[in-house]
Amino acid sequence: ANAILPEGKDYTFWGKGVSQGHSDAVR
């Protein structure tokens, strides 16, 4: 996407899903 649209802005969203690291932190 960056190569094709050099003038732009990136966004990454995660989920909905289980975060194993965060679940471990809660435990």
mmCIF file of all heavy atoms, coordinates in Angstrom:
data_MODEL
# 
_entry.id   MODEL 
# 
loop_
_atom_site.group_PDB 
_atom_site.id 
_atom_site.type_symbol 
_atom_site.label_atom_id 
_atom_site.label_alt_id 
_atom_site.label_comp_id 
_atom_site.label_asym_id 
_atom_site.label_entity_id 
_atom_site.label_seq_id 
_atom_site.pdbx_PDB_ins_code 
_atom_site.Cartn_x 
_atom_site.Cartn_y 
_atom_site.Cartn_z 
_atom_site.occupancy 
_atom_site.B_iso_or_equiv 
_atom_site.pdbx_formal_charge 
_atom_site.auth_seq_id 
_atom_site.auth_comp_id 
_atom_site.auth_asym_id 
_atom_site.auth_atom_id 
_atom_site.pdbx_PDB_model_num 
ATOM 1   N N   . ALA A 1 1  ? 0.822   -1.210  0.000  1.00 0.00 ? 1  ALA A N   1 
ATOM 2   C CA  . ALA A 1 1  ? 0.000   0.000   0.000  1.00 0.00 ? 1  ALA A CA  1 
ATOM 3   C C   . ALA A 1 1  ? 0.853   1.257   0.000  1.00 0.00 ? 1  ALA A C   1 
ATOM 4   O O   . ALA A 1 1  ? 0.538   2.241   -0.684 1.00 0.00 ? 1  ALA A O   1 
ATOM 5   C CB  . ALA A 1 1  ? -0.943  -0.016  1.204  1.00 0.00 ? 1  ALA A CB  1 
ATOM 6   N N   . ASN A 1 2  ? 1.957   1.249   0.757  1.00 0.00 ? 2  ASN A N   1 
ATOM 7   C CA  . ASN A 1 2  ? 2.853   2.409   0.779  1.00 0.00 ? 2  ASN A CA  1 
ATOM 8   C C   . ASN A 1 2  ? 3.518   2.632   -0.569 1.00 0.00 ? 2  ASN A C   1 
ATOM 9   O O   . ASN A 1 2  ? 3.723   3.765   -1.004 1.00 0.00 ? 2  ASN A O   1 
ATOM 10  C CB  . ASN A 1 2  ? 3.915   2.234   1.860  1.00 0.00 ? 2  ASN A CB  1 
ATOM 11  C CG  . ASN A 1 2  ? 3.471   2.739   3.214  1.00 0.00 ? 2  ASN A CG  1 
ATOM 12  O OD1 . ASN A 1 2  ? 3.827   3.836   3.605  1.00 0.00 ? 2  ASN A OD1 1 
ATOM 13  N ND2 . ASN A 1 2  ? 2.681   1.949   3.922  1.00 0.00 ? 2  ASN A ND2 1 
ATOM 14  N N   . ALA A 1 3  ? 3.906   1.518   -1.226 1.00 0.00 ? 3  ALA A N   1 
ATOM 15  C CA  . ALA A 1 3  ? 4.551   1.639   -2.531 1.00 0.00 ? 3  ALA A CA  1 
ATOM 16  C C   . ALA A 1 3  ? 3.590   2.186   -3.581 1.00 0.00 ? 3  ALA A C   1 
ATOM 17  O O   . ALA A 1 3  ? 3.987   2.976   -4.454 1.00 0.00 ? 3  ALA A O   1 
ATOM 18  C CB  . ALA A 1 3  ? 5.096   0.279   -2.971 1.00 0.00 ? 3  ALA A CB  1 
ATOM 19  N N   . ILE A 1 4  ? 2.328   1.793   -3.498 1.00 0.00 ? 4  ILE A N   1 
ATOM 20  C CA  . ILE A 1 4  ? 1.339   2.197   -4.497 1.00 0.00 ? 4  ILE A CA  1 
ATOM 21  C C   . ILE A 1 4  ? 0.810   3.599   -4.232 1.00 0.00 ? 4  ILE A C   1 
ATOM 22  O O   . ILE A 1 4  ? 0.589   4.386   -5.161 1.00 0.00 ? 4  ILE A O   1 
ATOM 23  C CB  . ILE A 1 4  ? 0.183   1.168   -4.515 1.00 0.00 ? 4  ILE A CB  1 
ATOM 24  C CG1 . ILE A 1 4  ? 0.698   -0.190  -5.024 1.00 0.00 ? 4  ILE A CG1 1 
ATOM 25  C CG2 . ILE A 1 4  ? -0.975  1.640   -5.378 1.00 0.00 ? 4  ILE A CG2 1 
ATOM 26  C CD1 . ILE A 1 4  ? -0.218  -1.350  -4.707 1.00 0.00 ? 4  ILE A CD1 1 
ATOM 27  N N   . LEU A 1 5  ? 0.614   3.932   -2.956 1.00 0.00 ? 5  LEU A N   1 
ATOM 28  C CA  . LEU A 1 5  ? 0.101   5.255   -2.582 1.00 0.00 ? 5  LEU A CA  1 
ATOM 29  C C   . LEU A 1 5  ? 1.113   5.959   -1.677 1.00 0.00 ? 5  LEU A C   1 
ATOM 30  O O   . LEU A 1 5  ? 0.964   5.994   -0.448 1.00 0.00 ? 5  LEU A O   1 
ATOM 31  C CB  . LEU A 1 5  ? -1.246  5.116   -1.861 1.00 0.00 ? 5  LEU A CB  1 
ATOM 32  C CG  . LEU A 1 5  ? -2.420  4.557   -2.666 1.00 0.00 ? 5  LEU A CG  1 
ATOM 33  C CD1 . LEU A 1 5  ? -3.637  4.385   -1.770 1.00 0.00 ? 5  LEU A CD1 1 
ATOM 34  C CD2 . LEU A 1 5  ? -2.748  5.464   -3.859 1.00 0.00 ? 5  LEU A CD2 1 
ATOM 35  N N   . PRO A 1 6  ? 2.181   6.518   -2.261 1.00 0.00 ? 6  PRO A N   1 
ATOM 36  C CA  . PRO A 1 6  ? 3.201   7.158   -1.421 1.00 0.00 ? 6  PRO A CA  1 
ATOM 37  C C   . PRO A 1 6  ? 2.680   8.368   -0.654 1.00 0.00 ? 6  PRO A C   1 
ATOM 38  O O   . PRO A 1 6  ? 3.207   8.711   0.404  1.00 0.00 ? 6  PRO A O   1 
ATOM 39  C CB  . PRO A 1 6  ? 4.288   7.562   -2.426 1.00 0.00 ? 6  PRO A CB  1 
ATOM 40  C CG  . PRO A 1 6  ? 3.630   7.558   -3.759 1.00 0.00 ? 6  PRO A CG  1 
ATOM 41  C CD  . PRO A 1 6  ? 2.550   6.527   -3.689 1.00 0.00 ? 6  PRO A CD  1 
ATOM 42  N N   . GLU A 1 7  ? 1.637   9.023   -1.182 1.00 0.00 ? 7  GLU A N   1 
ATOM 43  C CA  . GLU A 1 7  ? 0.996   10.123  -0.455 1.00 0.00 ? 7  GLU A CA  1 
ATOM 44  C C   . GLU A 1 7  ? -0.201  9.547   0.279  1.00 0.00 ? 7  GLU A C   1 
ATOM 45  O O   . GLU A 1 7  ? -1.261  9.318   -0.317 1.00 0.00 ? 7  GLU A O   1 
ATOM 46  C CB  . GLU A 1 7  ? 0.554   11.217  -1.424 1.00 0.00 ? 7  GLU A CB  1 
ATOM 47  C CG  . GLU A 1 7  ? 1.690   11.956  -2.107 1.00 0.00 ? 7  GLU A CG  1 
ATOM 48  C CD  . GLU A 1 7  ? 2.476   12.827  -1.142 1.00 0.00 ? 7  GLU A CD  1 
ATOM 49  O OE1 . GLU A 1 7  ? 1.873   13.295  -0.149 1.00 0.00 ? 7  GLU A OE1 1 
ATOM 50  O OE2 . GLU A 1 7  ? 3.686   13.018  -1.373 1.00 0.00 ? 7  GLU A OE2 1 
ATOM 51  N N   . GLY A 1 8  ? -0.035  9.256   1.553  1.00 0.00 ? 8  GLY A N   1 
ATOM 52  C CA  . GLY A 1 8  ? -1.145  8.642   2.273  1.00 0.00 ? 8  GLY A CA  1 
ATOM 53  C C   . GLY A 1 8  ? -0.840  8.429   3.730  1.00 0.00 ? 8  GLY A C   1 
ATOM 54  O O   . GLY A 1 8  ? 0.170   8.904   4.262  1.00 0.00 ? 8  GLY A O   1 
ATOM 55  N N   . LYS A 1 9  ? -1.720  7.657   4.377  1.00 0.00 ? 9  LYS A N   1 
ATOM 56  C CA  . LYS A 1 9  ? -1.618  7.444   5.820  1.00 0.00 ? 9  LYS A CA  1 
ATOM 57  C C   . LYS A 1 9  ? -1.991  6.001   6.132  1.00 0.00 ? 9  LYS A C   1 
ATOM 58  O O   . LYS A 1 9  ? -2.950  5.463   5.575  1.00 0.00 ? 9  LYS A O   1 
ATOM 59  C CB  . LYS A 1 9  ? -2.556  8.413   6.542  1.00 0.00 ? 9  LYS A CB  1 
ATOM 60  C CG  . LYS A 1 9  ? -2.274  8.618   8.010  1.00 0.00 ? 9  LYS A CG  1 
ATOM 61  C CD  . LYS A 1 9  ? -3.153  9.729   8.542  1.00 0.00 ? 9  LYS A CD  1 
ATOM 62  C CE  . LYS A 1 9  ? -2.911  9.975   10.031 1.00 0.00 ? 9  LYS A CE  1 
ATOM 63  N NZ  . LYS A 1 9  ? -1.560  10.463  10.304 1.00 0.00 ? 9  LYS A NZ  1 
ATOM 64  N N   . ASP A 1 10 ? -1.194  5.369   7.010  1.00 0.00 ? 10 ASP A N   1 
ATOM 65  C CA  . ASP A 1 10 ? -1.410  3.967   7.393  1.00 0.00 ? 10 ASP A CA  1 
ATOM 66  C C   . ASP A 1 10 ? -2.234  3.857   8.668  1.00 0.00 ? 10 ASP A C   1 
ATOM 67  O O   . ASP A 1 10 ? -2.074  4.667   9.597  1.00 0.00 ? 10 ASP A O   1 
ATOM 68  C CB  . ASP A 1 10 ? -0.065  3.267   7.664  1.00 0.00 ? 10 ASP A CB  1 
ATOM 69  C CG  . ASP A 1 10 ? 0.717   3.018   6.394  1.00 0.00 ? 10 ASP A CG  1 
ATOM 70  O OD1 . ASP A 1 10 ? 0.117   2.597   5.407  1.00 0.00 ? 10 ASP A OD1 1 
ATOM 71  O OD2 . ASP A 1 10 ? 1.931   3.255   6.406  1.00 0.00 ? 10 ASP A OD2 1 
ATOM 72  N N   . TYR A 1 11 ? -3.056  2.803   8.717  1.00 0.00 ? 11 TYR A N   1 
ATOM 73  C CA  . TYR A 1 11 ? -3.795  2.468   9.930  1.00 0.00 ? 11 TYR A CA  1 
ATOM 74  C C   . TYR A 1 11 ? -3.808  0.955   10.084 1.00 0.00 ? 11 TYR A C   1 
ATOM 75  O O   . TYR A 1 11 ? -4.062  0.225   9.112  1.00 0.00 ? 11 TYR A O   1 
ATOM 76  C CB  . TYR A 1 11 ? -5.245  2.968   9.859  1.00 0.00 ? 11 TYR A CB  1 
ATOM 77  C CG  . TYR A 1 11 ? -5.389  4.465   9.721  1.00 0.00 ? 11 TYR A CG  1 
ATOM 78  C CD1 . TYR A 1 11 ? -5.425  5.055   8.461  1.00 0.00 ? 11 TYR A CD1 1 
ATOM 79  C CD2 . TYR A 1 11 ? -5.482  5.279   10.847 1.00 0.00 ? 11 TYR A CD2 1 
ATOM 80  C CE1 . TYR A 1 11 ? -5.561  6.427   8.320  1.00 0.00 ? 11 TYR A CE1 1 
ATOM 81  C CE2 . TYR A 1 11 ? -5.621  6.662   10.718 1.00 0.00 ? 11 TYR A CE2 1 
ATOM 82  C CZ  . TYR A 1 11 ? -5.652  7.229   9.449  1.00 0.00 ? 11 TYR A CZ  1 
ATOM 83  O OH  . TYR A 1 11 ? -5.786  8.592   9.316  1.00 0.00 ? 11 TYR A OH  1 
ATOM 84  N N   . THR A 1 12 ? -3.543  0.480   11.292 1.00 0.00 ? 12 THR A N   1 
ATOM 85  C CA  . THR A 1 12 ? -3.673  -0.938  11.596 1.00 0.00 ? 12 THR A CA  1 
ATOM 86  C C   . THR A 1 12 ? -4.571  -1.092  12.820 1.00 0.00 ? 12 THR A C   1 
ATOM 87  O O   . THR A 1 12 ? -4.352  -0.443  13.843 1.00 0.00 ? 12 THR A O   1 
ATOM 88  C CB  . THR A 1 12 ? -2.307  -1.591  11.866 1.00 0.00 ? 12 THR A CB  1 
ATOM 89  O OG1 . THR A 1 12 ? -1.462  -1.423  10.721 1.00 0.00 ? 12 THR A OG1 1 
ATOM 90  C CG2 . THR A 1 12 ? -2.466  -3.081  12.139 1.00 0.00 ? 12 THR A CG2 1 
ATOM 91  N N   . PHE A 1 13 ? -5.587  -1.937  12.680 1.00 0.00 ? 13 PHE A N   1 
ATOM 92  C CA  . PHE A 1 13 ? -6.477  -2.265  13.798 1.00 0.00 ? 13 PHE A CA  1 
ATOM 93  C C   . PHE A 1 13 ? -6.390  -3.769  14.046 1.00 0.00 ? 13 PHE A C   1 
ATOM 94  O O   . PHE A 1 13 ? -6.401  -4.560  13.101 1.00 0.00 ? 13 PHE A O   1 
ATOM 95  C CB  . PHE A 1 13 ? -7.930  -1.906  13.468 1.00 0.00 ? 13 PHE A CB  1 
ATOM 96  C CG  . PHE A 1 13 ? -8.197  -0.432  13.325 1.00 0.00 ? 13 PHE A CG  1 
ATOM 97  C CD1 . PHE A 1 13 ? -7.995  0.207   12.110 1.00 0.00 ? 13 PHE A CD1 1 
ATOM 98  C CD2 . PHE A 1 13 ? -8.654  0.312   14.399 1.00 0.00 ? 13 PHE A CD2 1 
ATOM 99  C CE1 . PHE A 1 13 ? -8.245  1.567   11.967 1.00 0.00 ? 13 PHE A CE1 1 
ATOM 100 C CE2 . PHE A 1 13 ? -8.910  1.673   14.271 1.00 0.00 ? 13 PHE A CE2 1 
ATOM 101 C CZ  . PHE A 1 13 ? -8.698  2.302   13.045 1.00 0.00 ? 13 PHE A CZ  1 
ATOM 102 N N   . TRP A 1 14 ? -6.316  -4.145  15.319 1.00 0.00 ? 14 TRP A N   1 
ATOM 103 C CA  . TRP A 1 14 ? -6.279  -5.568  15.678 1.00 0.00 ? 14 TRP A CA  1 
ATOM 104 C C   . TRP A 1 14 ? -7.579  -5.948  16.384 1.00 0.00 ? 14 TRP A C   1 
ATOM 105 O O   . TRP A 1 14 ? -8.079  -5.226  17.227 1.00 0.00 ? 14 TRP A O   1 
ATOM 106 C CB  . TRP A 1 14 ? -5.097  -5.859  16.600 1.00 0.00 ? 14 TRP A CB  1 
ATOM 107 C CG  . TRP A 1 14 ? -3.776  -5.600  15.957 1.00 0.00 ? 14 TRP A CG  1 
ATOM 108 C CD1 . TRP A 1 14 ? -3.069  -6.428  15.127 1.00 0.00 ? 14 TRP A CD1 1 
ATOM 109 C CD2 . TRP A 1 14 ? -2.977  -4.420  16.088 1.00 0.00 ? 14 TRP A CD2 1 
ATOM 110 N NE1 . TRP A 1 14 ? -1.898  -5.833  14.723 1.00 0.00 ? 14 TRP A NE1 1 
ATOM 111 C CE2 . TRP A 1 14 ? -1.815  -4.602  15.303 1.00 0.00 ? 14 TRP A CE2 1 
ATOM 112 C CE3 . TRP A 1 14 ? -3.134  -3.218  16.777 1.00 0.00 ? 14 TRP A CE3 1 
ATOM 113 C CZ2 . TRP A 1 14 ? -0.817  -3.640  15.195 1.00 0.00 ? 14 TRP A CZ2 1 
ATOM 114 C CZ3 . TRP A 1 14 ? -2.145  -2.251  16.679 1.00 0.00 ? 14 TRP A CZ3 1 
ATOM 115 C CH2 . TRP A 1 14 ? -1.010  -2.472  15.893 1.00 0.00 ? 14 TRP A CH2 1 
ATOM 116 N N   . GLY A 1 15 ? -8.106  -7.131  16.036 1.00 0.00 ? 15 GLY A N   1 
ATOM 117 C CA  . GLY A 1 15 ? -9.280  -7.638  16.723 1.00 0.00 ? 15 GLY A CA  1 
ATOM 118 C C   . GLY A 1 15 ? -10.501 -7.637  15.798 1.00 0.00 ? 15 GLY A C   1 
ATOM 119 O O   . GLY A 1 15 ? -10.395 -7.294  14.628 1.00 0.00 ? 15 GLY A O   1 
ATOM 120 N N   . LYS A 1 16 ? -11.643 -8.055  16.321 1.00 0.00 ? 16 LYS A N   1 
ATOM 121 C CA  . LYS A 1 16 ? -11.808 -8.521  17.688 1.00 0.00 ? 16 LYS A CA  1 
ATOM 122 C C   . LYS A 1 16 ? -11.141 -9.875  17.860 1.00 0.00 ? 16 LYS A C   1 
ATOM 123 O O   . LYS A 1 16 ? -11.341 -10.773 17.048 1.00 0.00 ? 16 LYS A O   1 
ATOM 124 C CB  . LYS A 1 16 ? -13.294 -8.627  18.043 1.00 0.00 ? 16 LYS A CB  1 
ATOM 125 C CG  . LYS A 1 16 ? -13.539 -9.086  19.455 1.00 0.00 ? 16 LYS A CG  1 
ATOM 126 C CD  . LYS A 1 16 ? -15.038 -9.191  19.768 1.00 0.00 ? 16 LYS A CD  1 
ATOM 127 C CE  . LYS A 1 16 ? -15.223 -9.679  21.210 1.00 0.00 ? 16 LYS A CE  1 
ATOM 128 N NZ  . LYS A 1 16 ? -16.661 -9.810  21.540 1.00 0.00 ? 16 LYS A NZ  1 
ATOM 129 N N   . GLY A 1 17 ? -10.350 -9.998  18.934 1.00 0.00 ? 17 GLY A N   1 
ATOM 130 C CA  . GLY A 1 17 ? -9.712  -11.275 19.154 1.00 0.00 ? 17 GLY A CA  1 
ATOM 131 C C   . GLY A 1 17 ? -9.009  -11.350 20.492 1.00 0.00 ? 17 GLY A C   1 
ATOM 132 O O   . GLY A 1 17 ? -8.843  -10.351 21.203 1.00 0.00 ? 17 GLY A O   1 
ATOM 133 N N   . VAL A 1 18 ? -8.596  -12.574 20.809 1.00 0.00 ? 18 VAL A N   1 
ATOM 134 C CA  . VAL A 1 18 ? -7.919  -12.842 22.071 1.00 0.00 ? 18 VAL A CA  1 
ATOM 135 C C   . VAL A 1 18 ? -6.456  -12.434 21.953 1.00 0.00 ? 18 VAL A C   1 
ATOM 136 O O   . VAL A 1 18 ? -5.746  -12.890 21.054 1.00 0.00 ? 18 VAL A O   1 
ATOM 137 C CB  . VAL A 1 18 ? -8.014  -14.333 22.439 1.00 0.00 ? 18 VAL A CB  1 
ATOM 138 C CG1 . VAL A 1 18 ? -7.161  -14.635 23.677 1.00 0.00 ? 18 VAL A CG1 1 
ATOM 139 C CG2 . VAL A 1 18 ? -9.461  -14.732 22.682 1.00 0.00 ? 18 VAL A CG2 1 
ATOM 140 N N   . SER A 1 19 ? -6.014  -11.561 22.841 1.00 0.00 ? 19 SER A N   1 
ATOM 141 C CA  . SER A 1 19 ? -4.591  -11.253 22.960 1.00 0.00 ? 19 SER A CA  1 
ATOM 142 C C   . SER A 1 19 ? -4.003  -12.189 24.005 1.00 0.00 ? 19 SER A C   1 
ATOM 143 O O   . SER A 1 19 ? -4.325  -12.088 25.198 1.00 0.00 ? 19 SER A O   1 
ATOM 144 C CB  . SER A 1 19 ? -4.382  -9.801  23.385 1.00 0.00 ? 19 SER A CB  1 
ATOM 145 O OG  . SER A 1 19 ? -3.022  -9.591  23.725 1.00 0.00 ? 19 SER A OG  1 
ATOM 146 N N   . GLN A 1 20 ? -3.138  -13.112 23.558 1.00 0.00 ? 20 GLN A N   1 
ATOM 147 C CA  . GLN A 1 20 ? -2.596  -14.097 24.493 1.00 0.00 ? 20 GLN A CA  1 
ATOM 148 C C   . GLN A 1 20 ? -1.675  -13.451 25.513 1.00 0.00 ? 20 GLN A C   1 
ATOM 149 O O   . GLN A 1 20 ? -1.648  -13.831 26.676 1.00 0.00 ? 20 GLN A O   1 
ATOM 150 C CB  . GLN A 1 20 ? -1.897  -15.206 23.710 1.00 0.00 ? 20 GLN A CB  1 
ATOM 151 C CG  . GLN A 1 20 ? -2.866  -15.985 22.827 1.00 0.00 ? 20 GLN A CG  1 
ATOM 152 C CD  . GLN A 1 20 ? -2.217  -17.107 22.060 1.00 0.00 ? 20 GLN A CD  1 
ATOM 153 O OE1 . GLN A 1 20 ? -1.990  -18.186 22.588 1.00 0.00 ? 20 GLN A OE1 1 
ATOM 154 N NE2 . GLN A 1 20 ? -1.909  -16.860 20.784 1.00 0.00 ? 20 GLN A NE2 1 
ATOM 155 N N   . GLY A 1 21 ? -0.901  -12.444 25.078 1.00 0.00 ? 21 GLY A N   1 
ATOM 156 C CA  . GLY A 1 21 ? -0.007  -11.761 26.004 1.00 0.00 ? 21 GLY A CA  1 
ATOM 157 C C   . GLY A 1 21 ? -0.746  -10.980 27.067 1.00 0.00 ? 21 GLY A C   1 
ATOM 158 O O   . GLY A 1 21 ? -0.390  -11.009 28.248 1.00 0.00 ? 21 GLY A O   1 
ATOM 159 N N   . HIS A 1 22 ? -1.805  -10.272 26.655 1.00 0.00 ? 22 HIS A N   1 
ATOM 160 C CA  . HIS A 1 22 ? -2.583  -9.501  27.618 1.00 0.00 ? 22 HIS A CA  1 
ATOM 161 C C   . HIS A 1 22 ? -3.381  -10.426 28.538 1.00 0.00 ? 22 HIS A C   1 
ATOM 162 O O   . HIS A 1 22 ? -3.561  -10.122 29.722 1.00 0.00 ? 22 HIS A O   1 
ATOM 163 C CB  . HIS A 1 22 ? -3.519  -8.540  26.886 1.00 0.00 ? 22 HIS A CB  1 
ATOM 164 C CG  . HIS A 1 22 ? -2.823  -7.337  26.341 1.00 0.00 ? 22 HIS A CG  1 
ATOM 165 N ND1 . HIS A 1 22 ? -1.957  -7.399  25.278 1.00 0.00 ? 22 HIS A ND1 1 
ATOM 166 C CD2 . HIS A 1 22 ? -2.856  -6.032  26.726 1.00 0.00 ? 22 HIS A CD2 1 
ATOM 167 C CE1 . HIS A 1 22 ? -1.493  -6.188  25.022 1.00 0.00 ? 22 HIS A CE1 1 
ATOM 168 N NE2 . HIS A 1 22 ? -2.016  -5.347  25.888 1.00 0.00 ? 22 HIS A NE2 1 
ATOM 169 N N   . SER A 1 23 ? -3.867  -11.556 27.998 1.00 0.00 ? 23 SER A N   1 
ATOM 170 C CA  . SER A 1 23 ? -4.566  -12.517 28.850 1.00 0.00 ? 23 SER A CA  1 
ATOM 171 C C   . SER A 1 23 ? -3.635  -13.051 29.926 1.00 0.00 ? 23 SER A C   1 
ATOM 172 O O   . SER A 1 23 ? -4.018  -13.194 31.097 1.00 0.00 ? 23 SER A O   1 
ATOM 173 C CB  . SER A 1 23 ? -5.104  -13.679 27.995 1.00 0.00 ? 23 SER A CB  1 
ATOM 174 O OG  . SER A 1 23 ? -6.054  -13.239 27.057 1.00 0.00 ? 23 SER A OG  1 
ATOM 175 N N   . ASP A 1 24 ? -2.390  -13.317 29.529 1.00 0.00 ? 24 ASP A N   1 
ATOM 176 C CA  . ASP A 1 24 ? -1.405  -13.802 30.491 1.00 0.00 ? 24 ASP A CA  1 
ATOM 177 C C   . ASP A 1 24 ? -1.124  -12.747 31.562 1.00 0.00 ? 24 ASP A C   1 
ATOM 178 O O   . ASP A 1 24 ? -0.985  -13.071 32.748 1.00 0.00 ? 24 ASP A O   1 
ATOM 179 C CB  . ASP A 1 24 ? -0.110  -14.175 29.765 1.00 0.00 ? 24 ASP A CB  1 
ATOM 180 C CG  . ASP A 1 24 ? 0.933   -14.753 30.711 1.00 0.00 ? 24 ASP A CG  1 
ATOM 181 O OD1 . ASP A 1 24 ? 0.680   -15.813 31.297 1.00 0.00 ? 24 ASP A OD1 1 
ATOM 182 O OD2 . ASP A 1 24 ? 2.009   -14.130 30.871 1.00 0.00 ? 24 ASP A OD2 1 
ATOM 183 N N   . ALA A 1 25 ? -1.068  -11.478 31.148 1.00 0.00 ? 25 ALA A N   1 
ATOM 184 C CA  . ALA A 1 25 ? -0.831  -10.397 32.111 1.00 0.00 ? 25 ALA A CA  1 
ATOM 185 C C   . ALA A 1 25 ? -1.958  -10.322 33.140 1.00 0.00 ? 25 ALA A C   1 
ATOM 186 O O   . ALA A 1 25 ? -1.719  -10.109 34.337 1.00 0.00 ? 25 ALA A O   1 
ATOM 187 C CB  . ALA A 1 25 ? -0.702  -9.065  31.375 1.00 0.00 ? 25 ALA A CB  1 
ATOM 188 N N   . VAL A 1 26 ? -3.199  -10.512 32.697 1.00 0.00 ? 26 VAL A N   1 
ATOM 189 C CA  . VAL A 1 26 ? -4.337  -10.501 33.631 1.00 0.00 ? 26 VAL A CA  1 
ATOM 190 C C   . VAL A 1 26 ? -4.248  -11.692 34.579 1.00 0.00 ? 26 VAL A C   1 
ATOM 191 O O   . VAL A 1 26 ? -4.495  -11.565 35.790 1.00 0.00 ? 26 VAL A O   1 
ATOM 192 C CB  . VAL A 1 26 ? -5.673  -10.508 32.871 1.00 0.00 ? 26 VAL A CB  1 
ATOM 193 C CG1 . VAL A 1 26 ? -6.846  -10.614 33.854 1.00 0.00 ? 26 VAL A CG1 1 
ATOM 194 C CG2 . VAL A 1 26 ? -5.821  -9.256  32.023 1.00 0.00 ? 26 VAL A CG2 1 
ATOM 195 N N   . ARG A 1 27 ? -3.877  -12.860 34.055 1.00 0.00 ? 27 ARG A N   1 
ATOM 196 C CA  . ARG A 1 27 ? -3.791  -14.056 34.899 1.00 0.00 ? 27 ARG A CA  1 
ATOM 197 C C   . ARG A 1 27 ? -2.736  -13.919 35.996 1.00 0.00 ? 27 ARG A C   1 
ATOM 198 O O   . ARG A 1 27 ? -2.796  -14.619 37.008 1.00 0.00 ? 27 ARG A O   1 
ATOM 199 C CB  . ARG A 1 27 ? -3.512  -15.286 34.037 1.00 0.00 ? 27 ARG A CB  1 
ATOM 200 C CG  . ARG A 1 27 ? -4.716  -15.754 33.225 1.00 0.00 ? 27 ARG A CG  1 
ATOM 201 C CD  . ARG A 1 27 ? -4.504  -17.123 32.615 1.00 0.00 ? 27 ARG A CD  1 
ATOM 202 N NE  . ARG A 1 27 ? -3.538  -17.107 31.533 1.00 0.00 ? 27 ARG A NE  1 
ATOM 203 C CZ  . ARG A 1 27 ? -3.852  -16.936 30.252 1.00 0.00 ? 27 ARG A CZ  1 
ATOM 204 N NH1 . ARG A 1 27 ? -5.110  -16.760 29.896 1.00 0.00 ? 27 ARG A NH1 1 
ATOM 205 N NH2 . ARG A 1 27 ? -2.915  -16.950 29.324 1.00 0.00 ? 27 ARG A NH2 1 
# 
